[in-house]
């Protein structure tokens, strides 16, 4: 496993049809320390009543959750970090 950290960001999954610039983390499906594969569902976010799954951008270990459940975040924020394989 390398020491490269990959950000789990919301930019790619942000609903296009909303003017809202803030969202909330509804649920984490993976805990820190867990191994993940690229494309695994990591968490669910909600932006203006639209629920969206956030997928792992890389395979590796989920090393840090930056925004926990019920935490608010802005467009472009990082939700977690993965140490890539």
Foldseek 3Di string as FASTA:
>chain_A
DDQDKDFQACQVPPDPPDPDFKKFWAFAPDDAFDWDAFFDFGTWIDDPNDIDTGTHNATAGFHFAPHHHGGMDGHGDTGTMGRHD
